[in-house]
N, C-alpha and C. Protein backbone atom coordinates (compact mmCIF):
# COMPACT_ATOMS: atom_id res chain seq x y z
N MET A 1 -26.47 19.61 -7.81
CA MET A 1 -25.59 20.72 -7.52
C MET A 1 -24.33 19.98 -6.51
N GLU A 2 -23.11 20.18 -6.97
CA GLU A 2 -22.09 19.54 -5.93
C GLU A 2 -22.02 20.33 -4.71
N GLU A 3 -22.11 19.42 -3.66
CA GLU A 3 -21.45 20.31 -2.43
C GLU A 3 -20.44 20.60 -2.43
N GLN A 4 -20.30 21.97 -1.62
CA GLN A 4 -19.26 23.11 -1.13
C GLN A 4 -18.83 22.58 0.11
N ILE A 5 -17.58 22.25 0.25
CA ILE A 5 -17.19 21.85 1.61
C ILE A 5 -15.83 22.81 2.05
N ASP A 6 -15.89 23.73 2.80
CA ASP A 6 -14.75 24.56 3.58
C ASP A 6 -13.84 23.55 4.60
N PHE A 7 -12.60 23.11 4.13
CA PHE A 7 -11.81 22.58 5.03
C PHE A 7 -10.80 23.87 5.79
N GLU A 8 -10.69 23.40 6.96
CA GLU A 8 -9.92 24.43 7.87
C GLU A 8 -8.34 23.36 8.18
N ALA A 9 -7.45 24.15 8.45
CA ALA A 9 -6.23 23.28 8.99
C ALA A 9 -6.83 22.64 10.42
N LYS A 10 -6.20 21.44 10.71
CA LYS A 10 -6.07 21.12 11.84
C LYS A 10 -4.88 20.56 12.22
N THR A 11 -4.64 20.76 13.88
CA THR A 11 -3.45 20.06 14.03
C THR A 11 -3.42 18.89 14.80
N LEU A 12 -2.81 17.75 14.08
CA LEU A 12 -2.84 16.47 14.56
C LEU A 12 -1.46 16.18 15.10
N LYS A 13 -1.79 15.03 16.00
CA LYS A 13 -0.29 14.32 16.62
C LYS A 13 0.13 13.11 15.92
N CYS A 14 1.15 13.02 15.39
CA CYS A 14 1.82 11.80 15.04
C CYS A 14 2.05 10.84 15.95
N LYS A 15 1.68 9.59 15.41
CA LYS A 15 1.78 8.19 16.49
C LYS A 15 3.28 7.72 16.71
N GLU A 16 4.11 8.28 15.60
CA GLU A 16 5.58 7.87 15.69
C GLU A 16 6.25 8.84 16.39
N CYS A 17 6.42 10.02 16.05
CA CYS A 17 7.30 11.22 16.81
C CYS A 17 6.68 11.91 17.79
N GLU A 18 5.17 11.66 17.94
CA GLU A 18 4.30 12.58 18.72
C GLU A 18 4.30 13.76 18.75
N ASN A 19 5.26 14.43 17.78
CA ASN A 19 5.05 15.68 17.42
C ASN A 19 4.00 16.06 16.65
N ASP A 20 3.18 17.06 17.03
CA ASP A 20 2.02 17.72 16.30
C ASP A 20 2.56 18.21 15.11
N PHE A 21 1.24 18.11 14.40
CA PHE A 21 1.50 18.35 12.62
C PHE A 21 0.10 18.89 11.91
N ILE A 22 0.47 19.93 11.05
CA ILE A 22 -0.96 20.59 10.53
C ILE A 22 -1.26 19.65 9.32
N TRP A 23 -2.52 19.47 9.08
CA TRP A 23 -3.31 18.92 8.45
C TRP A 23 -3.83 19.76 7.58
N THR A 24 -3.17 20.26 6.47
CA THR A 24 -3.91 21.34 5.30
C THR A 24 -5.08 20.93 4.89
N PRO A 25 -6.06 22.15 4.64
CA PRO A 25 -6.88 22.05 3.77
C PRO A 25 -6.67 21.52 2.44
N GLY A 26 -5.51 21.62 1.73
CA GLY A 26 -5.72 20.82 0.43
C GLY A 26 -5.33 19.09 0.87
N GLU A 27 -4.63 19.09 1.84
CA GLU A 27 -4.90 17.44 2.12
C GLU A 27 -6.04 16.99 2.44
N GLN A 28 -6.92 17.73 3.06
CA GLN A 28 -7.98 17.12 3.49
C GLN A 28 -9.07 17.00 2.35
N LYS A 29 -9.06 18.08 1.55
CA LYS A 29 -9.62 18.00 -0.05
C LYS A 29 -9.29 16.62 -0.83
N PHE A 30 -8.00 16.57 -0.96
CA PHE A 30 -7.46 15.07 -1.17
C PHE A 30 -7.95 13.98 -0.76
N PHE A 31 -7.92 13.77 0.77
CA PHE A 31 -8.79 12.72 1.06
C PHE A 31 -10.21 12.48 0.81
N TYR A 32 -10.72 13.65 0.85
CA TYR A 32 -12.22 13.88 0.77
C TYR A 32 -12.46 13.14 -0.81
N GLU A 33 -12.08 13.84 -1.81
CA GLU A 33 -12.30 13.42 -2.79
C GLU A 33 -11.82 12.08 -2.98
N LYS A 34 -10.72 11.47 -2.71
CA LYS A 34 -10.21 9.78 -2.55
C LYS A 34 -11.28 9.06 -2.11
N GLY A 35 -11.95 9.61 -1.25
CA GLY A 35 -12.88 8.63 -0.30
C GLY A 35 -12.17 7.95 1.04
N LEU A 36 -11.22 8.94 1.22
CA LEU A 36 -10.20 8.49 2.60
C LEU A 36 -11.25 8.73 3.87
N LYS A 37 -11.34 7.83 4.47
CA LYS A 37 -12.37 8.14 5.70
C LYS A 37 -11.48 8.54 7.17
N HIS A 38 -10.17 8.12 7.23
CA HIS A 38 -9.39 7.97 8.54
C HIS A 38 -8.63 9.47 8.10
N LYS A 39 -8.23 10.02 9.04
CA LYS A 39 -7.04 11.43 9.30
C LYS A 39 -5.67 10.40 9.25
N PRO A 40 -4.62 11.07 8.57
CA PRO A 40 -3.56 10.91 8.61
C PRO A 40 -2.94 10.57 10.27
N THR A 41 -2.14 9.56 10.15
CA THR A 41 -1.75 8.91 11.62
C THR A 41 -0.35 9.64 11.79
N ARG A 42 0.47 9.65 10.93
CA ARG A 42 1.56 10.13 10.74
C ARG A 42 1.76 11.56 9.94
N CYS A 43 3.14 12.04 10.62
CA CYS A 43 3.52 13.69 10.05
C CYS A 43 4.43 13.25 8.58
N LYS A 44 4.54 14.04 8.04
CA LYS A 44 5.23 13.68 6.55
C LYS A 44 6.69 13.09 6.96
N ASP A 45 7.32 13.48 7.70
CA ASP A 45 8.30 13.09 7.58
C ASP A 45 8.63 11.65 8.18
N CYS A 46 7.54 11.24 9.43
CA CYS A 46 7.41 10.00 9.73
C CYS A 46 6.52 9.03 8.48
N ARG A 47 5.76 9.51 7.54
CA ARG A 47 5.37 8.78 6.46
C ARG A 47 6.20 8.33 5.61
N VAL A 48 7.38 9.57 5.30
CA VAL A 48 8.24 9.21 4.15
C VAL A 48 9.28 7.86 4.76
N LYS A 49 9.49 7.79 5.77
CA LYS A 49 10.32 6.97 6.55
C LYS A 49 9.56 5.51 6.71
N HIS A 50 7.99 5.54 6.90
CA HIS A 50 7.26 4.41 7.06
C HIS A 50 7.56 3.54 5.57
N ARG A 51 6.81 4.43 4.97
CA ARG A 51 6.73 4.20 3.26
C ARG A 51 8.11 3.79 2.86
N LYS A 52 9.48 3.86 2.89
CA LYS A 52 10.61 3.50 2.94
C LYS A 52 10.69 2.00 3.46
N GLN A 53 10.39 2.00 4.87
CA GLN A 53 10.50 0.77 5.53
C GLN A 53 10.02 -0.55 4.84
N VAL A 54 8.59 0.06 4.62
CA VAL A 54 7.64 -0.80 4.05
C VAL A 54 8.11 -1.54 2.38
N GLU A 55 8.25 -0.74 1.47
CA GLU A 55 8.84 -0.65 0.53
C GLU A 55 10.07 -1.54 0.29
N SER A 56 10.78 -1.38 1.34
CA SER A 56 12.19 -1.96 1.67
C SER A 56 11.91 -3.67 1.63
N GLU A 57 10.82 -4.19 2.17
CA GLU A 57 10.50 -5.24 2.66
C GLU A 57 9.97 -6.21 1.66
N PHE A 58 9.76 -5.77 0.46
CA PHE A 58 9.35 -6.21 -1.21
C PHE A 58 10.63 -6.67 -1.90
N TYR A 59 10.32 -7.79 -1.98
CA TYR A 59 11.19 -8.09 -3.00
C TYR A 59 10.91 -8.35 -4.54
N LYS A 60 11.51 -8.06 -5.48
CA LYS A 60 11.19 -8.17 -7.07
C LYS A 60 11.06 -9.84 -7.41
N VAL A 61 10.36 -10.10 -8.07
CA VAL A 61 10.23 -11.61 -8.48
C VAL A 61 9.25 -11.89 -9.74
N THR A 62 10.22 -12.83 -10.64
CA THR A 62 9.42 -13.11 -12.12
C THR A 62 8.40 -14.35 -12.01
N CYS A 63 7.17 -14.18 -12.55
CA CYS A 63 6.00 -15.28 -12.37
C CYS A 63 6.43 -16.23 -13.09
N ALA A 64 6.74 -17.28 -12.98
CA ALA A 64 7.23 -18.33 -13.33
C ALA A 64 6.49 -19.26 -14.37
N SER A 65 5.49 -18.58 -14.48
CA SER A 65 4.48 -18.87 -15.93
C SER A 65 4.19 -17.82 -16.89
N CYS A 66 4.06 -16.84 -16.72
CA CYS A 66 4.04 -15.86 -17.37
C CYS A 66 5.15 -14.79 -17.82
N GLY A 67 5.90 -14.55 -16.90
CA GLY A 67 7.25 -13.91 -16.67
C GLY A 67 7.03 -12.52 -16.64
N ILE A 68 5.84 -11.82 -15.94
CA ILE A 68 5.45 -10.39 -15.61
C ILE A 68 6.17 -10.55 -13.93
N ILE A 69 6.89 -9.54 -13.77
CA ILE A 69 7.57 -8.69 -12.65
C ILE A 69 6.86 -8.50 -11.90
N GLY A 70 6.73 -8.81 -10.47
CA GLY A 70 6.17 -8.21 -9.37
C GLY A 70 6.94 -8.47 -8.29
N ASP A 71 6.19 -8.08 -6.96
CA ASP A 71 6.99 -7.64 -5.76
C ASP A 71 6.09 -8.91 -4.53
N VAL A 72 7.01 -9.51 -3.83
CA VAL A 72 6.34 -10.05 -2.59
C VAL A 72 7.24 -9.76 -1.46
N MET A 73 6.56 -10.12 -0.49
CA MET A 73 6.76 -9.79 1.14
C MET A 73 7.66 -10.96 1.54
N PHE A 74 8.54 -11.49 1.07
CA PHE A 74 9.24 -12.44 1.47
C PHE A 74 10.42 -12.71 0.17
N THR A 75 11.48 -12.88 1.21
CA THR A 75 12.77 -13.78 0.52
C THR A 75 12.79 -14.76 0.08
N PRO A 76 12.85 -15.25 -1.39
CA PRO A 76 12.45 -16.56 -1.88
C PRO A 76 14.11 -17.14 -1.30
N LYS A 77 13.50 -18.81 -0.90
CA LYS A 77 14.80 -19.18 -0.60
C LYS A 77 15.74 -19.29 -1.35
N GLU A 78 14.86 -19.86 -2.64
CA GLU A 78 15.83 -20.68 -3.70
C GLU A 78 15.93 -19.86 -4.82
N GLU A 79 16.80 -19.52 -5.78
CA GLU A 79 16.83 -18.43 -6.65
C GLU A 79 16.08 -19.14 -7.66
N ARG A 80 15.70 -20.24 -7.59
CA ARG A 80 14.94 -21.08 -9.02
C ARG A 80 13.62 -21.56 -8.37
N ALA A 81 13.36 -21.05 -7.23
CA ALA A 81 11.86 -21.11 -6.69
C ALA A 81 10.93 -20.78 -7.52
N LYS A 82 9.70 -21.40 -7.92
CA LYS A 82 8.66 -21.37 -9.09
C LYS A 82 7.74 -20.35 -8.00
N ILE A 83 7.38 -19.11 -8.15
CA ILE A 83 6.56 -18.22 -7.97
C ILE A 83 5.94 -17.60 -8.86
N TYR A 84 4.82 -17.33 -8.43
CA TYR A 84 3.36 -17.03 -9.41
C TYR A 84 2.89 -15.95 -8.81
N CYS A 85 2.56 -14.92 -10.35
CA CYS A 85 1.54 -13.61 -9.94
C CYS A 85 0.16 -14.23 -9.49
N LYS A 86 -0.47 -13.20 -9.27
CA LYS A 86 -1.95 -13.65 -8.72
C LYS A 86 -2.91 -14.48 -9.84
N ASP A 87 -2.79 -14.14 -11.00
CA ASP A 87 -3.33 -14.97 -12.02
C ASP A 87 -3.17 -16.00 -12.57
N CYS A 88 -1.54 -16.12 -12.62
CA CYS A 88 -1.21 -17.37 -12.93
C CYS A 88 -1.02 -18.74 -11.66
N PHE A 89 -1.28 -17.77 -10.32
CA PHE A 89 -1.26 -18.77 -9.17
C PHE A 89 -2.96 -19.55 -8.90
N ASP A 90 -3.99 -18.44 -9.37
CA ASP A 90 -5.45 -18.63 -9.16
C ASP A 90 -5.49 -19.60 -10.47
N LYS A 91 -4.84 -19.71 -11.71
CA LYS A 91 -5.44 -20.56 -12.75
C LYS A 91 -4.55 -22.11 -12.34
N LYS A 92 -3.30 -22.10 -11.93
CA LYS A 92 -2.76 -23.19 -11.61
C LYS A 92 -3.46 -24.11 -10.54
N PHE A 93 -3.60 -23.18 -9.47
CA PHE A 93 -3.98 -23.83 -8.24
C PHE A 93 -5.15 -23.87 -7.56
N LEU A 94 -6.04 -22.72 -8.05
CA LEU A 94 -7.38 -22.73 -7.44
C LEU A 94 -8.56 -23.22 -8.42
N ASN A 95 -8.25 -23.34 -9.92
CA ASN A 95 -8.85 -23.46 -10.78
C ASN A 95 -9.43 -25.08 -11.48
N GLN A 96 -8.48 -25.60 -10.51
CA GLN A 96 -8.13 -27.42 -10.68
C GLN A 96 -9.46 -27.88 -10.72
N PRO A 97 -9.79 -29.25 -11.10
CA PRO A 97 -11.09 -30.12 -10.94
C PRO A 97 -10.80 -30.53 -9.38
N SER A 98 -11.94 -30.52 -9.18
CA SER A 98 -12.29 -31.35 -7.47
C SER A 98 -11.21 -32.62 -7.53
N GLY A 99 -10.59 -32.86 -6.51
CA GLY A 99 -10.04 -34.24 -6.31
C GLY A 99 -8.26 -34.43 -6.79
N ILE A 100 -8.22 -33.27 -7.07
CA ILE A 100 -6.56 -33.20 -7.60
C ILE A 100 -5.86 -32.60 -6.63
């Protein structure tokens, strides 16, 4: 039998703007269903601003081995720099025989 949980609206304080915001029952249910353990720390507006800031710090690159396009958190210094996706990096650098 599935457990029935009643969620009630809660007032939280945003760590960015310090304004109060409502954590709705629907949002709480979403957190519960996803297994998220911590309450949100930012209001909706500050979450959107923070997400845009974080996403703007990523740069699109193409893996030098397989050609897959991915994101990195640094600006490649040279346009022709060889950057590898995780799988290709692991194969090329971590699965080498000892002593190489």
